[in-house]
Protein backbone atom coordinates (compact mmCIF):
# COMPACT_ATOMS: atom_id res chain seq x y z
CA UNK A 1 5.22 16.91 -18.35
CA UNK A 2 3.59 13.96 -20.03
CA UNK A 3 4.49 11.24 -17.49
CA UNK A 4 3.96 10.86 -13.80
CA UNK A 5 6.74 11.37 -11.33
CA UNK A 6 9.25 8.50 -11.12
CA UNK A 7 10.02 6.90 -7.78
CA UNK A 8 13.26 8.94 -7.60
CA UNK A 9 11.38 12.14 -8.35
CA UNK A 10 8.91 11.33 -5.57
CA UNK A 11 11.78 10.78 -3.15
CA UNK A 12 13.30 14.11 -4.16
CA UNK A 13 9.85 15.71 -3.62
CA UNK A 14 9.68 14.28 -0.07
CA UNK A 15 13.26 15.54 0.62
CA UNK A 16 12.25 19.03 -0.51
CA UNK A 17 14.44 18.81 -3.58
CA UNK A 18 11.75 18.68 -6.31
CA UNK A 19 12.37 20.55 -9.54
CA UNK A 20 10.03 23.36 -10.56
CA UNK A 21 8.65 21.05 -13.23
CA UNK A 22 7.98 18.32 -10.67
CA UNK A 23 6.30 20.82 -8.32
CA UNK A 24 4.09 22.08 -11.11
CA UNK A 25 3.17 18.49 -12.14
CA UNK A 26 2.21 17.51 -8.56
CA UNK A 27 0.11 20.63 -8.33
CA UNK A 28 -1.84 19.57 -11.43
CA UNK A 29 -1.82 15.76 -11.04
CA UNK A 30 -4.13 14.20 -8.51
CA UNK A 31 -2.67 10.78 -9.07
CA UNK A 32 0.88 11.90 -8.11
CA UNK A 33 -0.38 13.90 -5.16
CA UNK A 34 -2.23 10.82 -3.93
CA UNK A 35 1.00 8.82 -4.13
CA UNK A 36 3.00 11.45 -2.34
CA UNK A 37 0.46 12.24 0.41
CA UNK A 38 0.74 9.08 2.60
CA UNK A 39 4.48 9.56 3.16
CA UNK A 40 4.05 13.31 3.61
CA UNK A 41 1.41 12.62 6.29
CA UNK A 42 3.65 10.04 8.00
CA UNK A 43 6.64 12.39 8.00
CA UNK A 44 4.41 15.18 9.40
CA UNK A 45 3.09 12.87 12.15
CA UNK A 46 6.58 11.69 13.03
CA UNK A 47 7.88 15.23 13.20
CA UNK A 48 4.99 16.27 15.50
CA UNK A 49 5.57 13.17 17.70
CA UNK A 50 9.29 13.95 17.90
CA UNK A 51 8.64 17.59 18.90
CA UNK A 52 6.16 16.46 21.54
CA UNK A 53 8.59 13.87 22.93
CA UNK A 54 11.33 16.50 23.08
CA UNK A 55 9.08 18.92 24.95
CA UNK A 56 8.05 16.26 27.41
CA UNK A 57 11.67 15.21 27.88
CA UNK A 58 12.72 18.84 28.52
CA UNK A 59 9.91 19.34 31.01
CA UNK A 60 10.73 16.24 33.05
CA UNK A 61 13.53 17.88 35.17
CA UNK A 62 11.30 20.80 36.01
CA UNK A 63 8.50 18.49 37.17
CA UNK A 64 10.98 16.46 39.21
CA UNK A 65 12.29 19.61 40.82
CA UNK A 66 8.77 20.76 41.64
CA UNK A 67 7.95 17.41 43.25
CA UNK A 68 11.22 17.42 45.17
CA UNK A 69 10.49 20.90 46.46
CA UNK A 70 7.02 19.90 47.58
CA UNK A 71 8.34 16.83 49.38
CA UNK A 72 11.05 18.91 51.03
CA UNK A 73 8.47 21.46 52.23
CA UNK A 74 6.23 18.67 53.52
CA UNK A 75 8.98 17.12 55.59
CA UNK A 76 9.95 20.39 57.31
C-alpha cells in the first residue's frame, strides 16, 4: 500500500471492518496508527465507563435491599 488510509478506511478500521491490506498497513505505518489511536482510546474508555455504570446500576437494588434490611432489624 503506497498511500495512507482514507477517512473511510479509518472508520472501517474503528468499526472492526478493516481489510487485510488496511490491517497490514496500520501495523507498519506509525502515522496511520497515530491517527487511529485517539478514537480507539476514546471508544475503549467509553466502553469501560458504560460497563462500570451498568455494574453500579445493577448493584443498586442489592444495596437498597441491604439497607432496608438493616433498618428493619434496627426498628424491631
